[in-house]
Amino acid sequence: MAITTFADVEAEFDAFDDWDDRYRLIIALGQALPAMEPALKTDANKVRGCASQVWLHPHRDGNVLRFAADSDAAIVKGLVALVLMLADGRAPADIDAAAIKGRLDGLGLSKHLSSNRTQGLASMIGRIDALAKVSA
């Protein structure tokens, strides 16, 4: 099954019996993210509050926001990919941090991630929310 939507991720998570398989899926999603231009890995694009390095660069594409993103940690890059599935390609007014958090919570991530990764995930969502509000 090709994983192209968050609903696909939810279905795969439901089909897996253990978290090792879920972690492998998250890592694969990160590996599938388009490469981020090195020039965009600036301090201004760095997400604060993440133990790993995470960069998030927004740009407008008509009425929607698109994001280039990367991380130096495989699992975190996969978490970035999950967040982008819920935010990338949406109008700024349609990006809802609470809804993103709710969908991610539905995967059970908070019970299986370290506190640092859970905090980093919240920081990513907060950064996307702030960028959407500035772009609205």
N, C-alpha and C. Protein backbone atom coordinates (compact mmCIF):
# COMPACT_ATOMS: atom_id res chain seq x y z
N MET A 1 0.84 -1.19 0.00
CA MET A 1 0.00 0.00 0.00
C MET A 1 0.88 1.25 0.00
N ALA A 2 0.62 2.15 -0.92
CA ALA A 2 1.35 3.42 -0.96
C ALA A 2 0.76 4.35 0.10
N ILE A 3 1.62 4.92 0.90
CA ILE A 3 1.20 5.83 1.96
C ILE A 3 1.27 7.25 1.42
N THR A 4 0.12 7.83 1.13
CA THR A 4 0.11 9.19 0.57
C THR A 4 -0.70 10.17 1.41
N THR A 5 -1.53 9.66 2.31
CA THR A 5 -2.35 10.53 3.14
C THR A 5 -2.23 10.11 4.60
N PHE A 6 -2.66 11.00 5.48
CA PHE A 6 -2.65 10.67 6.89
C PHE A 6 -3.61 9.52 7.19
N ALA A 7 -4.70 9.44 6.45
CA ALA A 7 -5.63 8.32 6.63
C ALA A 7 -4.94 6.99 6.31
N ASP A 8 -4.04 7.00 5.32
CA ASP A 8 -3.27 5.80 5.01
C ASP A 8 -2.39 5.41 6.20
N VAL A 9 -1.78 6.40 6.83
CA VAL A 9 -0.94 6.15 8.00
C VAL A 9 -1.79 5.55 9.12
N GLU A 10 -2.96 6.14 9.35
CA GLU A 10 -3.84 5.62 10.40
C GLU A 10 -4.21 4.16 10.13
N ALA A 11 -4.50 3.84 8.89
CA ALA A 11 -4.86 2.47 8.54
C ALA A 11 -3.69 1.51 8.76
N GLU A 12 -2.51 1.94 8.38
CA GLU A 12 -1.32 1.10 8.58
C GLU A 12 -1.04 0.91 10.08
N PHE A 13 -1.16 1.98 10.85
CA PHE A 13 -0.95 1.87 12.30
C PHE A 13 -1.93 0.86 12.90
N ASP A 14 -3.17 0.90 12.45
CA ASP A 14 -4.18 -0.05 12.95
C ASP A 14 -3.84 -1.49 12.56
N ALA A 15 -3.22 -1.66 11.40
CA ALA A 15 -2.91 -3.00 10.90
C ALA A 15 -1.70 -3.61 11.61
N PHE A 16 -0.80 -2.77 12.12
CA PHE A 16 0.40 -3.28 12.77
C PHE A 16 0.10 -3.74 14.18
N ASP A 17 0.78 -4.80 14.58
CA ASP A 17 0.61 -5.35 15.93
C ASP A 17 1.58 -4.76 16.95
N ASP A 18 2.71 -4.22 16.48
CA ASP A 18 3.67 -3.71 17.47
C ASP A 18 4.27 -2.38 17.01
N TRP A 19 4.91 -1.73 17.97
CA TRP A 19 5.45 -0.40 17.72
C TRP A 19 6.72 -0.43 16.88
N ASP A 20 7.43 -1.53 16.84
CA ASP A 20 8.60 -1.59 15.96
C ASP A 20 8.20 -1.36 14.51
N ASP A 21 7.09 -1.97 14.08
CA ASP A 21 6.59 -1.77 12.72
C ASP A 21 6.15 -0.32 12.51
N ARG A 22 5.52 0.27 13.50
CA ARG A 22 5.06 1.66 13.40
C ARG A 22 6.25 2.60 13.30
N TYR A 23 7.29 2.35 14.11
CA TYR A 23 8.50 3.17 14.02
C TYR A 23 9.14 3.05 12.65
N ARG A 24 9.18 1.84 12.09
CA ARG A 24 9.74 1.67 10.75
C ARG A 24 8.95 2.47 9.72
N LEU A 25 7.63 2.50 9.87
CA LEU A 25 6.80 3.29 8.96
C LEU A 25 7.11 4.77 9.11
N ILE A 26 7.21 5.25 10.34
CA ILE A 26 7.51 6.66 10.57
C ILE A 26 8.86 7.02 9.94
N ILE A 27 9.86 6.18 10.14
CA ILE A 27 11.18 6.45 9.55
C ILE A 27 11.10 6.45 8.03
N ALA A 28 10.35 5.51 7.45
CA ALA A 28 10.19 5.47 5.99
C ALA A 28 9.52 6.73 5.46
N LEU A 29 8.55 7.26 6.20
CA LEU A 29 7.90 8.50 5.78
C LEU A 29 8.90 9.65 5.76
N GLY A 30 9.77 9.69 6.75
CA GLY A 30 10.81 10.72 6.78
C GLY A 30 11.78 10.58 5.62
N GLN A 31 12.14 9.36 5.31
CA GLN A 31 13.05 9.12 4.18
C GLN A 31 12.43 9.54 2.85
N ALA A 32 11.11 9.51 2.79
CA ALA A 32 10.41 9.87 1.55
C ALA A 32 10.20 11.38 1.39
N LEU A 33 10.49 12.16 2.43
CA LEU A 33 10.34 13.61 2.30
C LEU A 33 11.27 14.13 1.21
N PRO A 34 10.81 15.08 0.42
CA PRO A 34 11.72 15.68 -0.56
C PRO A 34 12.91 16.33 0.14
N ALA A 35 14.06 16.27 -0.49
CA ALA A 35 15.26 16.86 0.09
C ALA A 35 15.07 18.37 0.26
N MET A 36 15.56 18.87 1.37
CA MET A 36 15.49 20.31 1.64
C MET A 36 16.80 20.94 1.16
N GLU A 37 16.67 22.03 0.45
CA GLU A 37 17.85 22.75 -0.03
C GLU A 37 18.72 23.13 1.17
N PRO A 38 20.01 22.85 1.13
CA PRO A 38 20.88 23.20 2.25
C PRO A 38 20.83 24.69 2.61
N ALA A 39 20.62 25.54 1.61
CA ALA A 39 20.56 26.98 1.87
C ALA A 39 19.38 27.37 2.76
N LEU A 40 18.36 26.50 2.84
CA LEU A 40 17.19 26.78 3.68
C LEU A 40 17.39 26.34 5.13
N LYS A 41 18.46 25.63 5.40
CA LYS A 41 18.74 25.16 6.76
C LYS A 41 19.44 26.28 7.54
N THR A 42 18.65 27.32 7.78
CA THR A 42 19.17 28.50 8.47
C THR A 42 18.64 28.55 9.89
N ASP A 43 19.24 29.41 10.68
CA ASP A 43 18.79 29.60 12.05
C ASP A 43 17.34 30.09 12.08
N ALA A 44 16.97 30.92 11.12
CA ALA A 44 15.60 31.45 11.07
C ALA A 44 14.58 30.33 10.81
N ASN A 45 14.97 29.27 10.14
CA ASN A 45 14.07 28.16 9.83
C ASN A 45 14.15 27.02 10.84
N LYS A 46 15.01 27.16 11.83
CA LYS A 46 15.17 26.11 12.84
C LYS A 46 13.99 26.15 13.80
N VAL A 47 13.47 24.99 14.13
CA VAL A 47 12.37 24.87 15.09
C VAL A 47 12.97 24.79 16.48
N ARG A 48 12.62 25.74 17.31
CA ARG A 48 13.11 25.77 18.70
C ARG A 48 12.32 24.76 19.53
N GLY A 49 12.98 24.17 20.52
CA GLY A 49 12.29 23.25 21.41
C GLY A 49 12.43 21.80 21.01
N CYS A 50 13.21 21.53 19.97
CA CYS A 50 13.45 20.15 19.54
C CYS A 50 14.86 19.75 19.97
N ALA A 51 15.00 18.57 20.54
CA ALA A 51 16.32 18.09 20.93
C ALA A 51 17.18 17.84 19.69
N SER A 52 16.55 17.34 18.63
CA SER A 52 17.24 17.16 17.34
C SER A 52 17.10 18.46 16.56
N GLN A 53 17.91 18.58 15.53
CA GLN A 53 17.76 19.76 14.68
C GLN A 53 16.61 19.53 13.71
N VAL A 54 15.72 20.52 13.63
CA VAL A 54 14.59 20.46 12.72
C VAL A 54 14.50 21.82 12.04
N TRP A 55 14.36 21.79 10.72
CA TRP A 55 14.19 23.01 9.95
C TRP A 55 12.86 22.95 9.23
N LEU A 56 12.19 24.09 9.19
CA LEU A 56 10.88 24.19 8.56
C LEU A 56 10.83 25.51 7.82
N HIS A 57 10.68 25.43 6.50
CA HIS A 57 10.63 26.64 5.67
C HIS A 57 9.30 26.70 4.92
N PRO A 58 8.51 27.74 5.21
CA PRO A 58 7.23 27.89 4.51
C PRO A 58 7.37 28.73 3.24
N HIS A 59 6.53 28.48 2.29
CA HIS A 59 6.40 29.38 1.14
C HIS A 59 4.97 29.30 0.62
N ARG A 60 4.51 30.41 0.08
CA ARG A 60 3.15 30.46 -0.48
C ARG A 60 3.16 29.85 -1.86
N ASP A 61 2.11 29.14 -2.15
CA ASP A 61 1.87 28.60 -3.48
C ASP A 61 0.42 28.94 -3.78
N GLY A 62 0.20 30.12 -4.33
CA GLY A 62 -1.16 30.60 -4.51
C GLY A 62 -1.78 30.89 -3.16
N ASN A 63 -2.89 30.23 -2.87
CA ASN A 63 -3.59 30.46 -1.61
C ASN A 63 -3.20 29.48 -0.50
N VAL A 64 -2.24 28.61 -0.77
CA VAL A 64 -1.87 27.61 0.23
C VAL A 64 -0.42 27.77 0.67
N LEU A 65 -0.13 27.20 1.82
CA LEU A 65 1.24 27.14 2.32
C LEU A 65 1.85 25.80 1.96
N ARG A 66 3.07 25.84 1.53
CA ARG A 66 3.85 24.63 1.27
C ARG A 66 5.05 24.70 2.22
N PHE A 67 5.55 23.56 2.62
CA PHE A 67 6.65 23.52 3.56
C PHE A 67 7.77 22.63 3.04
N ALA A 68 8.99 23.13 3.17
CA ALA A 68 10.18 22.30 3.01
C ALA A 68 10.64 22.03 4.44
N ALA A 69 11.07 20.80 4.71
CA ALA A 69 11.45 20.46 6.07
C ALA A 69 12.51 19.37 6.08
N ASP A 70 13.25 19.32 7.19
CA ASP A 70 14.25 18.29 7.36
C ASP A 70 14.59 18.18 8.85
N SER A 71 15.23 17.08 9.19
CA SER A 71 15.76 16.87 10.54
C SER A 71 17.02 16.03 10.42
N ASP A 72 17.87 16.14 11.43
CA ASP A 72 19.09 15.35 11.44
C ASP A 72 18.89 13.99 12.12
N ALA A 73 17.67 13.69 12.57
CA ALA A 73 17.37 12.42 13.22
C ALA A 73 16.26 11.70 12.45
N ALA A 74 16.45 10.43 12.17
CA ALA A 74 15.52 9.69 11.31
C ALA A 74 14.10 9.66 11.85
N ILE A 75 13.93 9.34 13.11
CA ILE A 75 12.57 9.25 13.66
C ILE A 75 11.91 10.63 13.69
N VAL A 76 12.69 11.66 14.00
CA VAL A 76 12.14 13.01 14.05
C VAL A 76 11.76 13.47 12.64
N LYS A 77 12.55 13.13 11.66
CA LYS A 77 12.21 13.47 10.27
C LYS A 77 10.89 12.81 9.88
N GLY A 78 10.66 11.59 10.37
CA GLY A 78 9.39 10.92 10.14
C GLY A 78 8.24 11.64 10.82
N LEU A 79 8.48 12.14 12.03
CA LEU A 79 7.44 12.92 12.73
C LEU A 79 7.14 14.20 11.96
N VAL A 80 8.17 14.82 11.41
CA VAL A 80 7.97 16.01 10.57
C VAL A 80 7.07 15.65 9.39
N ALA A 81 7.34 14.50 8.77
CA ALA A 81 6.52 14.07 7.62
C ALA A 81 5.06 13.90 8.03
N LEU A 82 4.82 13.33 9.22
CA LEU A 82 3.44 13.17 9.69
C LEU A 82 2.76 14.53 9.86
N VAL A 83 3.45 15.48 10.46
CA VAL A 83 2.88 16.82 10.66
C VAL A 83 2.59 17.47 9.31
N LEU A 84 3.51 17.33 8.37
CA LEU A 84 3.31 17.95 7.06
C LEU A 84 2.14 17.34 6.30
N MET A 85 1.86 16.07 6.53
CA MET A 85 0.68 15.45 5.90
C MET A 85 -0.60 16.18 6.30
N LEU A 86 -0.58 16.80 7.47
CA LEU A 86 -1.77 17.47 8.00
C LEU A 86 -1.76 18.97 7.77
N ALA A 87 -0.63 19.52 7.31
CA ALA A 87 -0.55 20.98 7.16
C ALA A 87 -0.16 21.44 5.75
N ASP A 88 0.69 20.70 5.09
CA ASP A 88 1.20 21.13 3.78
C ASP A 88 0.08 21.18 2.74
N GLY A 89 0.08 22.24 1.95
CA GLY A 89 -0.89 22.36 0.87
C GLY A 89 -2.24 22.89 1.31
N ARG A 90 -2.33 23.41 2.51
CA ARG A 90 -3.58 23.96 3.03
C ARG A 90 -3.51 25.49 3.07
N ALA A 91 -4.66 26.10 2.99
CA ALA A 91 -4.74 27.54 3.19
C ALA A 91 -4.36 27.84 4.63
N PRO A 92 -3.66 28.93 4.88
CA PRO A 92 -3.25 29.23 6.25
C PRO A 92 -4.40 29.20 7.25
N ALA A 93 -5.56 29.69 6.86
CA ALA A 93 -6.71 29.71 7.77
C ALA A 93 -7.23 28.31 8.09
N ASP A 94 -6.87 27.33 7.25
CA ASP A 94 -7.32 25.95 7.45
C ASP A 94 -6.34 25.10 8.25
N ILE A 95 -5.20 25.69 8.61
CA ILE A 95 -4.22 24.96 9.41
C ILE A 95 -4.61 25.14 10.88
N ASP A 96 -4.98 24.05 11.50
CA ASP A 96 -5.50 24.05 12.87
C ASP A 96 -4.60 23.21 13.76
N ALA A 97 -3.83 23.88 14.61
CA ALA A 97 -2.86 23.18 15.47
C ALA A 97 -3.55 22.15 16.36
N ALA A 98 -4.69 22.49 16.91
CA ALA A 98 -5.40 21.55 17.79
C ALA A 98 -5.84 20.31 17.02
N ALA A 99 -6.29 20.49 15.79
CA ALA A 99 -6.71 19.34 14.98
C ALA A 99 -5.51 18.48 14.62
N ILE A 100 -4.38 19.11 14.30
CA ILE A 100 -3.16 18.35 13.99
C ILE A 100 -2.75 17.53 15.21
N LYS A 101 -2.71 18.16 16.36
CA LYS A 101 -2.35 17.46 17.59
C LYS A 101 -3.32 16.31 17.86
N GLY A 102 -4.60 16.54 17.66
CA GLY A 102 -5.60 15.50 17.88
C GLY A 102 -5.41 14.31 16.97
N ARG A 103 -5.13 14.55 15.71
CA ARG A 103 -4.92 13.43 14.77
C ARG A 103 -3.67 12.64 15.14
N LEU A 104 -2.61 13.36 15.53
CA LEU A 104 -1.38 12.68 15.93
C LEU A 104 -1.58 11.91 17.23
N ASP A 105 -2.33 12.49 18.17
CA ASP A 105 -2.63 11.80 19.42
C ASP A 105 -3.40 10.51 19.15
N GLY A 106 -4.22 10.52 18.11
CA GLY A 106 -4.98 9.33 17.75
C GLY A 106 -4.10 8.15 17.35
N LEU A 107 -2.85 8.43 16.98
CA LEU A 107 -1.92 7.36 16.64
C LEU A 107 -1.28 6.76 17.89
N GLY A 108 -1.45 7.41 19.02
CA GLY A 108 -0.84 6.91 20.26
C GLY A 108 0.62 7.29 20.42
N LEU A 109 1.06 8.28 19.67
CA LEU A 109 2.48 8.66 19.70
C LEU A 109 2.94 9.08 21.09
N SER A 110 2.13 9.86 21.79
CA SER A 110 2.58 10.41 23.07
C SER A 110 2.90 9.32 24.09
N LYS A 111 2.33 8.14 23.93
CA LYS A 111 2.60 7.04 24.85
C LYS A 111 3.88 6.29 24.49
N HIS A 112 4.39 6.52 23.28
CA HIS A 112 5.52 5.72 22.80
C HIS A 112 6.74 6.54 22.41
N LEU A 113 6.67 7.86 22.55
CA LEU A 113 7.81 8.71 22.26
C LEU A 113 8.44 9.18 23.56
N SER A 114 9.72 9.47 23.52
CA SER A 114 10.38 10.05 24.68
C SER A 114 9.79 11.43 24.95
N SER A 115 9.99 11.92 26.16
CA SER A 115 9.46 13.25 26.48
C SER A 115 10.09 14.32 25.60
N ASN A 116 11.38 14.16 25.24
CA ASN A 116 12.03 15.12 24.35
C ASN A 116 11.38 15.13 22.97
N ARG A 117 11.07 13.95 22.45
CA ARG A 117 10.44 13.88 21.12
C ARG A 117 9.01 14.39 21.18
N THR A 118 8.31 14.10 22.27
CA THR A 118 6.94 14.62 22.42
C THR A 118 6.96 16.14 22.46
N GLN A 119 7.91 16.72 23.19
CA GLN A 119 8.05 18.18 23.24
C GLN A 119 8.43 18.74 21.87
N GLY A 120 9.33 18.05 21.19
CA GLY A 120 9.73 18.50 19.85
C GLY A 120 8.57 18.48 18.87
N LEU A 121 7.73 17.46 18.97
CA LEU A 121 6.55 17.38 18.11
C LEU A 121 5.61 18.55 18.38
N ALA A 122 5.42 18.87 19.65
CA ALA A 122 4.59 20.03 20.01
C ALA A 122 5.20 21.33 19.48
N SER A 123 6.52 21.43 19.51
CA SER A 123 7.20 22.61 18.98
C SER A 123 7.01 22.74 17.47
N MET A 124 7.07 21.60 16.76
CA MET A 124 6.84 21.63 15.31
C MET A 124 5.43 22.12 14.99
N ILE A 125 4.45 21.59 15.71
CA ILE A 125 3.06 21.99 15.49
C ILE A 125 2.89 23.47 15.81
N GLY A 126 3.49 23.92 16.90
CA GLY A 126 3.41 25.34 17.27
C GLY A 126 4.04 26.24 16.23
N ARG A 127 5.16 25.81 15.67
CA ARG A 127 5.84 26.61 14.64
C ARG A 127 4.98 26.70 13.37
N ILE A 128 4.39 25.60 12.97
CA ILE A 128 3.51 25.61 11.79
C ILE A 128 2.31 26.51 12.04
N ASP A 129 1.74 26.42 13.24
CA ASP A 129 0.61 27.27 13.60
C ASP A 129 0.99 28.74 13.52
N ALA A 130 2.15 29.09 14.07
CA ALA A 130 2.60 30.49 14.04
C ALA A 130 2.84 30.96 12.61
N LEU A 131 3.44 30.11 11.79
CA LEU A 131 3.69 30.49 10.39
C LEU A 131 2.38 30.67 9.63
N ALA A 132 1.41 29.82 9.92
CA ALA A 132 0.09 29.94 9.26
C ALA A 132 -0.59 31.25 9.65
N LYS A 133 -0.50 31.61 10.92
CA LYS A 133 -1.14 32.85 11.38
C LYS A 133 -0.49 34.08 10.75
N VAL A 134 0.81 34.05 10.61
CA VAL A 134 1.53 35.17 9.98
C VAL A 134 1.17 35.27 8.50
N SER A 135 0.90 34.13 7.87
CA SER A 135 0.63 34.08 6.43
C SER A 135 -0.83 34.32 6.08
N ALA A 136 -1.71 34.26 7.09
CA ALA A 136 -3.16 34.39 6.82
C ALA A 136 -3.53 35.77 6.34
